[in-house]
């Protein structure tokens, strides 16, 4: 199941270019997000020390030509010895995260208590107003908005772009991507001034109701391990860790 979920995450968050190299997928997207600009050794096979060295060399040359740092996204099903080989070459551990799974949406179809001050809007395609909110809530600089938009426009699955309004003020946003029976949740963010008011939970429950109505039965999401508030919320909503992942980063020229 884990490899299948990894495939879903790549489909839901497409890169602008993907190159296959011996079962490893090298992704590029103008440097916006590590997951869209990293090596995914997804289809692991037995590797010798020499074959690992040759493949890593090829990856570094690829990203150097693109003018980017070399980043690997690693999971428990990456080739044996790869993480240690990268560490030995000076790659720094970055952003330990986890994939979490909710195996049955039916358990969360009941909404929180009605609040007359809350309204939730869903758009079926990217709007620049939603993009502006998402970037603003996540402190994404204006110079990256174009790259973010190109990734979002490239999604081919069914999408829902959600905005929660509190007393008519945008307070939270999120993206849902449906593929088969799975819905992935992305870019869940709350305005700094609106946090700790239950908006994230209301938004996610609404997103999952929409997903269930559109044929999804299960949900997955990705979260940074150090993001304690998000992890508490997802645990409250009955998401459970499916597998961890982490990045190894080597700065260009390093």
C-alpha atoms as a PDB file:
ATOM      1  CA  UNK A   1       0.000   0.000   0.000  1.00  0.00           C
ATOM      2  CA  UNK A   2       2.776   2.451   0.873  1.00  0.00           C
ATOM      3  CA  UNK A   3       4.227   2.548  -2.654  1.00  0.00           C
ATOM      4  CA  UNK A   4       0.713   3.043  -4.051  1.00  0.00           C
ATOM      5  CA  UNK A   5       0.191   6.016  -1.742  1.00  0.00           C
ATOM      6  CA  UNK A   6       3.534   7.476  -2.827  1.00  0.00           C
ATOM      7  CA  UNK A   7       2.324   7.283  -6.414  1.00  0.00           C
ATOM      8  CA  UNK A   8      -0.877   9.105  -5.419  1.00  0.00           C
ATOM      9  CA  UNK A   9       1.118  11.884  -3.768  1.00  0.00           C
ATOM     10  CA  UNK A  10       3.174  12.418  -6.919  1.00  0.00           C
ATOM     11  CA  UNK A  11       0.086  12.471  -9.131  1.00  0.00           C
ATOM     12  CA  UNK A  12      -1.646  14.925  -6.808  1.00  0.00           C
ATOM     13  CA  UNK A  13       1.409  17.185  -6.611  1.00  0.00           C
ATOM     14  CA  UNK A  14       2.935  16.977 -10.097  1.00  0.00           C
ATOM     15  CA  UNK A  15       6.347  18.240 -11.045  1.00  0.00           C
ATOM     16  CA  UNK A  16       6.970  20.101 -14.276  1.00  0.00           C
ATOM     17  CA  UNK A  17       9.528  17.503 -15.369  1.00  0.00           C
ATOM     18  CA  UNK A  18      10.130  13.917 -14.289  1.00  0.00           C
ATOM     19  CA  UNK A  19      13.078  11.812 -15.462  1.00  0.00           C
ATOM     20  CA  UNK A  20      13.290   8.081 -14.738  1.00  0.00           C
ATOM     21  CA  UNK A  21      16.724   6.717 -13.846  1.00  0.00           C
ATOM     22  CA  UNK A  22      16.995   3.057 -12.872  1.00  0.00           C
ATOM     23  CA  UNK A  23      13.769   3.018 -10.864  1.00  0.00           C
ATOM     24  CA  UNK A  24      14.415   6.445  -9.345  1.00  0.00           C
ATOM     25  CA  UNK A  25      12.252   9.400 -10.361  1.00  0.00           C
ATOM     26  CA  UNK A  26      13.988  12.786 -10.594  1.00  0.00           C
ATOM     27  CA  UNK A  27      11.481  15.647 -10.335  1.00  0.00           C
ATOM     28  CA  UNK A  28      11.800  19.350 -11.123  1.00  0.00           C
ATOM     29  CA  UNK A  29       9.373  22.222 -10.555  1.00  0.00           C
ATOM     30  CA  UNK A  30      11.321  25.498 -10.387  1.00  0.00           C
ATOM     31  CA  UNK A  31      12.395  24.776  -6.821  1.00  0.00           C
ATOM     32  CA  UNK A  32       8.888  25.076  -5.346  1.00  0.00           C
ATOM     33  CA  UNK A  33       8.502  22.455  -2.572  1.00  0.00           C
ATOM     34  CA  UNK A  34      11.005  19.727  -1.855  1.00  0.00           C
ATOM     35  CA  UNK A  35       8.627  16.945  -2.844  1.00  0.00           C
ATOM     36  CA  UNK A  36       8.332  18.330  -6.390  1.00  0.00           C
ATOM     37  CA  UNK A  37      12.081  18.950  -6.722  1.00  0.00           C
ATOM     38  CA  UNK A  38      13.685  15.787  -5.424  1.00  0.00           C
ATOM     39  CA  UNK A  39      14.767  12.264  -6.225  1.00  0.00           C
ATOM     40  CA  UNK A  40      12.146   9.649  -5.364  1.00  0.00           C
ATOM     41  CA  UNK A  41      13.813   6.197  -5.261  1.00  0.00           C
ATOM     42  CA  UNK A  42      10.348   4.714  -5.505  1.00  0.00           C
ATOM     43  CA  UNK A  43      10.901   1.396  -7.223  1.00  0.00           C
ATOM     44  CA  UNK A  44      13.724   0.117  -5.082  1.00  0.00           C
ATOM     45  CA  UNK A  45      15.983  -2.671  -6.196  1.00  0.00           C
ATOM     46  CA  UNK A  46      19.095  -4.184  -4.738  1.00  0.00           C
ATOM     47  CA  UNK A  47      22.002  -1.797  -5.090  1.00  0.00           C
ATOM     48  CA  UNK A  48      25.700  -2.301  -4.587  1.00  0.00           C
ATOM     49  CA  UNK A  49      27.866   0.448  -3.149  1.00  0.00           C
ATOM     50  CA  UNK A  50      29.151   1.077  -6.665  1.00  0.00           C
ATOM     51  CA  UNK A  51      25.676   1.305  -8.235  1.00  0.00           C
ATOM     52  CA  UNK A  52      24.502   3.667  -5.493  1.00  0.00           C
ATOM     53  CA  UNK A  53      27.531   5.854  -6.105  1.00  0.00           C
ATOM     54  CA  UNK A  54      26.889   5.958  -9.860  1.00  0.00           C
ATOM     55  CA  UNK A  55      23.199   6.790  -9.408  1.00  0.00           C
ATOM     56  CA  UNK A  56      23.847   9.509  -6.842  1.00  0.00           C
ATOM     57  CA  UNK A  57      26.484  11.019  -9.125  1.00  0.00           C
ATOM     58  CA  UNK A  58      23.956  11.067 -11.979  1.00  0.00           C
ATOM     59  CA  UNK A  59      21.334  12.737  -9.763  1.00  0.00           C
ATOM     60  CA  UNK A  60      23.755  15.406  -8.616  1.00  0.00           C
ATOM     61  CA  UNK A  61      24.729  16.152 -12.213  1.00  0.00           C
ATOM     62  CA  UNK A  62      21.044  16.389 -13.185  1.00  0.00           C
ATOM     63  CA  UNK A  63      20.168  18.909 -10.468  1.00  0.00           C
ATOM     64  CA  UNK A  64      23.399  20.831 -10.956  1.00  0.00           C
ATOM     65  CA  UNK A  65      22.467  21.357 -14.621  1.00  0.00           C
ATOM     66  CA  UNK A  66      19.078  22.619 -13.425  1.00  0.00           C
ATOM     67  CA  UNK A  67      20.770  25.046 -11.022  1.00  0.00           C
ATOM     68  CA  UNK A  68      19.193  23.440  -7.961  1.00  0.00           C
ATOM     69  CA  UNK A  69      20.299  21.712  -4.781  1.00  0.00           C
ATOM     70  CA  UNK A  70      20.162  17.909  -4.889  1.00  0.00           C
ATOM     71  CA  UNK A  71      17.375  16.596  -2.664  1.00  0.00           C
ATOM     72  CA  UNK A  72      16.336  13.010  -1.999  1.00  0.00           C
ATOM     73  CA  UNK A  73      12.959  12.045  -0.567  1.00  0.00           C
ATOM     74  CA  UNK A  74      13.521   8.896   1.481  1.00  0.00           C
ATOM     75  CA  UNK A  75      11.048   6.373   2.839  1.00  0.00           C
ATOM     76  CA  UNK A  76      11.383   3.038   4.647  1.00  0.00           C
ATOM     77  CA  UNK A  77      11.171   1.317   1.252  1.00  0.00           C
ATOM     78  CA  UNK A  78      14.106   3.201  -0.298  1.00  0.00           C
ATOM     79  CA  UNK A  79      17.090   1.041  -1.292  1.00  0.00           C
ATOM     80  CA  UNK A  80      19.097  -0.367   1.584  1.00  0.00           C
ATOM     81  CA  UNK A  81      22.163   1.721   2.302  1.00  0.00           C
ATOM     82  CA  UNK A  82      21.004   4.831   0.433  1.00  0.00           C
ATOM     83  CA  UNK A  83      20.382   6.989   3.496  1.00  0.00           C
ATOM     84  CA  UNK A  84      23.782   6.160   4.966  1.00  0.00           C
ATOM     85  CA  UNK A  85      25.479   6.707   1.603  1.00  0.00           C
ATOM     86  CA  UNK A  86      23.922  10.160   1.328  1.00  0.00           C
ATOM     87  CA  UNK A  87      24.884  11.045   4.883  1.00  0.00           C
ATOM     88  CA  UNK A  88      28.472  10.020   4.144  1.00  0.00           C
ATOM     89  CA  UNK A  89      28.468  12.380   1.157  1.00  0.00           C
ATOM     90  CA  UNK A  90      27.428  15.327   3.295  1.00  0.00           C
ATOM     91  CA  UNK A  91      23.674  15.289   2.741  1.00  0.00           C
ATOM     92  CA  UNK A  92      21.836  16.894   5.665  1.00  0.00           C
ATOM     93  CA  UNK A  93      18.692  15.406   7.185  1.00  0.00           C
ATOM     94  CA  UNK A  94      15.772  17.758   6.520  1.00  0.00           C
ATOM     95  CA  UNK A  95      12.069  17.936   7.385  1.00  0.00           C
ATOM     96  CA  UNK A  96      11.241  14.550   8.952  1.00  0.00           C
ATOM     97  CA  UNK A  97       7.591  13.989   8.072  1.00  0.00           C
ATOM     98  CA  UNK A  98       4.919  11.320   7.988  1.00  0.00           C
ATOM     99  CA  UNK A  99       2.162  10.090   5.712  1.00  0.00           C
ATOM    100  CA  UNK A 100      -1.069   9.613   7.651  1.00  0.00           C
ATOM    101  CA  UNK A 101      -4.100   7.588   6.623  1.00  0.00           C
ATOM    102  CA  UNK A 102      -7.789   7.689   7.466  1.00  0.00           C
ATOM    103  CA  UNK A 103      -9.090   4.300   6.283  1.00  0.00           C
ATOM    104  CA  UNK A 104     -12.802   5.088   6.413  1.00  0.00           C
ATOM    105  CA  UNK A 105     -14.344   8.489   5.712  1.00  0.00           C
ATOM    106  CA  UNK A 106     -17.722   7.439   7.067  1.00  0.00           C
ATOM    107  CA  UNK A 107     -16.491   7.881  10.633  1.00  0.00           C
ATOM    108  CA  UNK A 108     -16.009  11.620  10.039  1.00  0.00           C
ATOM    109  CA  UNK A 109     -19.068  12.593   8.047  1.00  0.00           C
ATOM    110  CA  UNK A 110     -20.730  14.238  11.037  1.00  0.00           C
ATOM    111  CA  UNK A 111     -19.945  17.949  11.101  1.00  0.00           C
ATOM    112  CA  UNK A 112     -19.060  20.045  14.109  1.00  0.00           C
ATOM    113  CA  UNK A 113     -21.852  22.024  15.679  1.00  0.00           C
ATOM    114  CA  UNK A 114     -23.349  24.589  13.323  1.00  0.00           C
ATOM    115  CA  UNK A 115     -21.827  28.048  13.600  1.00  0.00           C
ATOM    116  CA  UNK A 116     -23.747  30.813  11.794  1.00  0.00           C
ATOM    117  CA  UNK A 117     -20.562  32.838  11.425  1.00  0.00           C
ATOM    118  CA  UNK A 118     -18.815  30.118   9.391  1.00  0.00           C
ATOM    119  CA  UNK A 119     -19.153  29.625   5.636  1.00  0.00           C
ATOM    120  CA  UNK A 120     -17.107  27.278   3.440  1.00  0.00           C
ATOM    121  CA  UNK A 121     -16.658  27.765  -0.288  1.00  0.00           C
ATOM    122  CA  UNK A 122     -15.443  25.100  -2.732  1.00  0.00           C
ATOM    123  CA  UNK A 123     -14.064  25.862  -6.198  1.00  0.00           C
ATOM    124  CA  UNK A 124     -13.428  23.060  -8.666  1.00  0.00           C
ATOM    125  CA  UNK A 125     -10.363  24.727 -10.181  1.00  0.00           C
ATOM    126  CA  UNK A 126      -7.597  27.033  -9.055  1.00  0.00           C
ATOM    127  CA  UNK A 127      -8.451  30.709  -8.697  1.00  0.00           C
ATOM    128  CA  UNK A 128      -5.887  33.390  -8.088  1.00  0.00           C
ATOM    129  CA  UNK A 129      -7.804  34.570  -5.037  1.00  0.00           C
ATOM    130  CA  UNK A 130      -7.422  31.088  -3.480  1.00  0.00           C
ATOM    131  CA  UNK A 131      -3.762  30.973  -4.512  1.00  0.00           C
ATOM    132  CA  UNK A 132      -3.157  34.336  -2.863  1.00  0.00           C
ATOM    133  CA  UNK A 133      -4.767  33.187   0.382  1.00  0.00           C
ATOM    134  CA  UNK A 134      -2.823  29.923   0.450  1.00  0.00           C
ATOM    135  CA  UNK A 135       0.486  31.666  -0.173  1.00  0.00           C
ATOM    136  CA  UNK A 136      -0.299  34.344   2.376  1.00  0.00           C
ATOM    137  CA  UNK A 137      -1.307  31.863   5.101  1.00  0.00           C
ATOM    138  CA  UNK A 138       1.871  29.820   4.454  1.00  0.00           C
ATOM    139  CA  UNK A 139       4.265  32.791   4.136  1.00  0.00           C
ATOM    140  CA  UNK A 140       5.150  31.776   0.579  1.00  0.00           C
ATOM    141  CA  UNK A 141       6.955  34.673  -1.122  1.00  0.00           C
ATOM    142  CA  UNK A 142       5.422  36.312  -4.168  1.00  0.00           C
ATOM    143  CA  UNK A 143       8.311  35.111  -6.345  1.00  0.00           C
ATOM    144  CA  UNK A 144       7.146  31.508  -5.809  1.00  0.00           C
ATOM    145  CA  UNK A 145       3.461  32.061  -6.601  1.00  0.00           C
ATOM    146  CA  UNK A 146       3.964  31.397 -10.310  1.00  0.00           C
ATOM    147  CA  UNK A 147       5.648  28.048  -9.685  1.00  0.00           C
ATOM    148  CA  UNK A 148       2.902  27.104  -7.214  1.00  0.00           C
ATOM    149  CA  UNK A 149       0.239  27.995  -9.765  1.00  0.00           C
ATOM    150  CA  UNK A 150       1.905  25.886 -12.463  1.00  0.00           C
ATOM    151  CA  UNK A 151       1.962  22.835 -10.172  1.00  0.00           C
ATOM    152  CA  UNK A 152      -1.686  23.307  -9.206  1.00  0.00           C
ATOM    153  CA  UNK A 153      -2.810  23.891 -12.792  1.00  0.00           C
ATOM    154  CA  UNK A 154      -1.060  20.644 -13.804  1.00  0.00           C
ATOM    155  CA  UNK A 155      -3.168  18.439 -11.504  1.00  0.00           C
ATOM    156  CA  UNK A 156      -5.327  16.218 -13.702  1.00  0.00           C
ATOM    157  CA  UNK A 157      -7.450  14.530 -11.017  1.00  0.00           C
ATOM    158  CA  UNK A 158     -10.665  15.914  -9.519  1.00  0.00           C
ATOM    159  CA  UNK A 159      -9.865  18.838  -7.221  1.00  0.00           C
ATOM    160  CA  UNK A 160     -11.629  20.961  -4.655  1.00  0.00           C
ATOM    161  CA  UNK A 161     -10.141  24.284  -3.540  1.00  0.00           C
ATOM    162  CA  UNK A 162     -11.720  25.182  -0.206  1.00  0.00           C
ATOM    163  CA  UNK A 163     -11.887  28.466   1.697  1.00  0.00           C
ATOM    164  CA  UNK A 164     -13.400  28.826   5.170  1.00  0.00           C
ATOM    165  CA  UNK A 165     -14.770  32.241   6.071  1.00  0.00           C
ATOM    166  CA  UNK A 166     -15.257  33.335   9.671  1.00  0.00           C
ATOM    167  CA  UNK A 167     -17.646  36.303   9.822  1.00  0.00           C
ATOM    168  CA  UNK A 168     -17.016  36.786   6.083  1.00  0.00           C
ATOM    169  CA  UNK A 169     -13.225  36.978   6.551  1.00  0.00           C
ATOM    170  CA  UNK A 170     -11.050  34.271   4.913  1.00  0.00           C
ATOM    171  CA  UNK A 171      -9.717  32.208   7.806  1.00  0.00           C
ATOM    172  CA  UNK A 172      -8.491  28.880   6.421  1.00  0.00           C
ATOM    173  CA  UNK A 173      -7.970  27.074   3.135  1.00  0.00           C
ATOM    174  CA  UNK A 174      -7.152  23.651   1.767  1.00  0.00           C
ATOM    175  CA  UNK A 175      -6.906  21.533  -1.354  1.00  0.00           C
ATOM    176  CA  UNK A 176      -8.471  18.092  -1.834  1.00  0.00           C
ATOM    177  CA  UNK A 177      -7.392  15.810  -4.700  1.00  0.00           C
ATOM    178  CA  UNK A 178      -9.388  12.659  -5.487  1.00  0.00           C
ATOM    179  CA  UNK A 179      -7.878   9.695  -7.312  1.00  0.00           C
ATOM    180  CA  UNK A 180      -9.816   6.448  -7.229  1.00  0.00           C
ATOM    181  CA  UNK A 181     -11.092   5.796  -3.728  1.00  0.00           C
ATOM    182  CA  UNK A 182      -8.528   8.095  -2.105  1.00  0.00           C
ATOM    183  CA  UNK A 183      -8.647  11.792  -1.335  1.00  0.00           C
ATOM    184  CA  UNK A 184      -5.395  13.559  -0.501  1.00  0.00           C
ATOM    185  CA  UNK A 185      -5.451  16.736   1.556  1.00  0.00           C
ATOM    186  CA  UNK A 186      -2.900  19.437   0.728  1.00  0.00           C
ATOM    187  CA  UNK A 187      -2.067  22.994   1.720  1.00  0.00           C
ATOM    188  CA  UNK A 188      -4.267  23.000   4.818  1.00  0.00           C
ATOM    189  CA  UNK A 189      -3.522  26.399   6.332  1.00  0.00           C
ATOM    190  CA  UNK A 190      -5.117  28.856   8.736  1.00  0.00           C
ATOM    191  CA  UNK A 191      -4.557  32.600   8.880  1.00  0.00           C
ATOM    192  CA  UNK A 192      -2.245  33.409  11.826  1.00  0.00           C
ATOM    193  CA  UNK A 193      -4.880  35.640  13.442  1.00  0.00           C
ATOM    194  CA  UNK A 194      -7.518  32.885  13.180  1.00  0.00           C
ATOM    195  CA  UNK A 195      -5.670  29.952  14.707  1.00  0.00           C
ATOM    196  CA  UNK A 196      -6.778  27.880  17.718  1.00  0.00           C
ATOM    197  CA  UNK A 197     -10.452  28.447  16.959  1.00  0.00           C
ATOM    198  CA  UNK A 198     -11.314  25.077  15.446  1.00  0.00           C
ATOM    199  CA  UNK A 199     -11.323  26.318  11.854  1.00  0.00           C
ATOM    200  CA  UNK A 200      -8.942  23.616  10.644  1.00  0.00           C
ATOM    201  CA  UNK A 201     -11.143  20.827  11.979  1.00  0.00           C
ATOM    202  CA  UNK A 202     -14.297  22.360  10.477  1.00  0.00           C
ATOM    203  CA  UNK A 203     -12.573  22.767   7.133  1.00  0.00           C
ATOM    204  CA  UNK A 204     -11.230  19.213   6.999  1.00  0.00           C
ATOM    205  CA  UNK A 205     -14.566  17.680   7.977  1.00  0.00           C
ATOM    206  CA  UNK A 206     -16.231  19.640   5.181  1.00  0.00           C
ATOM    207  CA  UNK A 207     -13.550  18.599   2.692  1.00  0.00           C
ATOM    208  CA  UNK A 208     -14.007  14.939   3.600  1.00  0.00           C
ATOM    209  CA  UNK A 209     -17.788  15.220   3.258  1.00  0.00           C
ATOM    210  CA  UNK A 210     -17.264  16.631  -0.230  1.00  0.00           C
ATOM    211  CA  UNK A 211     -14.809  13.849  -1.039  1.00  0.00           C
ATOM    212  CA  UNK A 212     -17.207  11.141   0.161  1.00  0.00           C
ATOM    213  CA  UNK A 213     -19.975  12.609  -1.962  1.00  0.00           C
ATOM    214  CA  UNK A 214     -17.601  12.443  -4.931  1.00  0.00           C
ATOM    215  CA  UNK A 215     -16.709   8.784  -4.523  1.00  0.00           C
ATOM    216  CA  UNK A 216     -13.754   8.769  -2.120  1.00  0.00           C
ATOM    217  CA  UNK A 217     -13.685   6.266   0.738  1.00  0.00           C
ATOM    218  CA  UNK A 218     -10.260   6.870   2.312  1.00  0.00           C
ATOM    219  CA  UNK A 219      -7.985   9.823   2.923  1.00  0.00           C
ATOM    220  CA  UNK A 220      -4.284  10.438   3.229  1.00  0.00           C
ATOM    221  CA  UNK A 221      -2.184  13.491   4.027  1.00  0.00           C
ATOM    222  CA  UNK A 222       1.429  14.442   4.677  1.00  0.00           C
ATOM    223  CA  UNK A 223       2.574  16.382   7.715  1.00  0.00           C
ATOM    224  CA  UNK A 224       5.892  17.517   9.157  1.00  0.00           C
ATOM    225  CA  UNK A 225       6.640  15.620  12.369  1.00  0.00           C
ATOM    226  CA  UNK A 226       7.563  18.798  14.268  1.00  0.00           C
ATOM    227  CA  UNK A 227       4.211  20.478  13.498  1.00  0.00           C
ATOM    228  CA  UNK A 228       2.628  19.600  16.832  1.00  0.00           C
ATOM    229  CA  UNK A 229      -0.717  21.419  16.367  1.00  0.00           C
ATOM    230  CA  UNK A 230      -1.332  19.780  12.982  1.00  0.00           C
ATOM    231  CA  UNK A 231      -0.383  16.338  14.276  1.00  0.00           C
ATOM    232  CA  UNK A 232      -2.755  16.725  17.244  1.00  0.00           C
ATOM    233  CA  UNK A 233      -5.577  17.743  14.931  1.00  0.00           C
ATOM    234  CA  UNK A 234      -5.048  14.847  12.537  1.00  0.00           C
ATOM    235  CA  UNK A 235      -4.869  12.379  15.432  1.00  0.00           C
ATOM    236  CA  UNK A 236      -8.141  13.817  16.775  1.00  0.00           C
ATOM    237  CA  UNK A 237      -9.679  13.165  13.359  1.00  0.00           C
ATOM    238  CA  UNK A 238      -8.486   9.521  13.575  1.00  0.00           C
ATOM    239  CA  UNK A 239      -5.670   9.753  11.037  1.00  0.00           C
ATOM    240  CA  UNK A 240      -2.862   7.301  11.831  1.00  0.00           C
ATOM    241  CA  UNK A 241       0.725   7.196  10.624  1.00  0.00           C
ATOM    242  CA  UNK A 242       1.185   4.901   7.653  1.00  0.00           C
ATOM    243  CA  UNK A 243       4.925   5.477   7.187  1.00  0.00           C
ATOM    244  CA  UNK A 244       7.533   8.166   7.850  1.00  0.00           C
ATOM    245  CA  UNK A 245       9.592   9.967   5.244  1.00  0.00           C
ATOM    246  CA  UNK A 246      12.386  12.494   5.300  1.00  0.00           C
ATOM    247  CA  UNK A 247      14.611  14.467   2.974  1.00  0.00           C
ATOM    248  CA  UNK A 248      18.354  14.502   2.502  1.00  0.00           C
ATOM    249  CA  UNK A 249      19.666  17.776   1.068  1.00  0.00           C
ATOM    250  CA  UNK A 250      23.039  18.698  -0.402  1.00  0.00           C
ATOM    251  CA  UNK A 251      23.513  22.312  -1.331  1.00  0.00           C
ATOM    252  CA  UNK A 252      24.673  22.992  -4.851  1.00  0.00           C
ATOM    253  CA  UNK A 253      28.451  23.126  -4.904  1.00  0.00           C
ATOM    254  CA  UNK A 254      28.593  21.622  -1.430  1.00  0.00           C
END
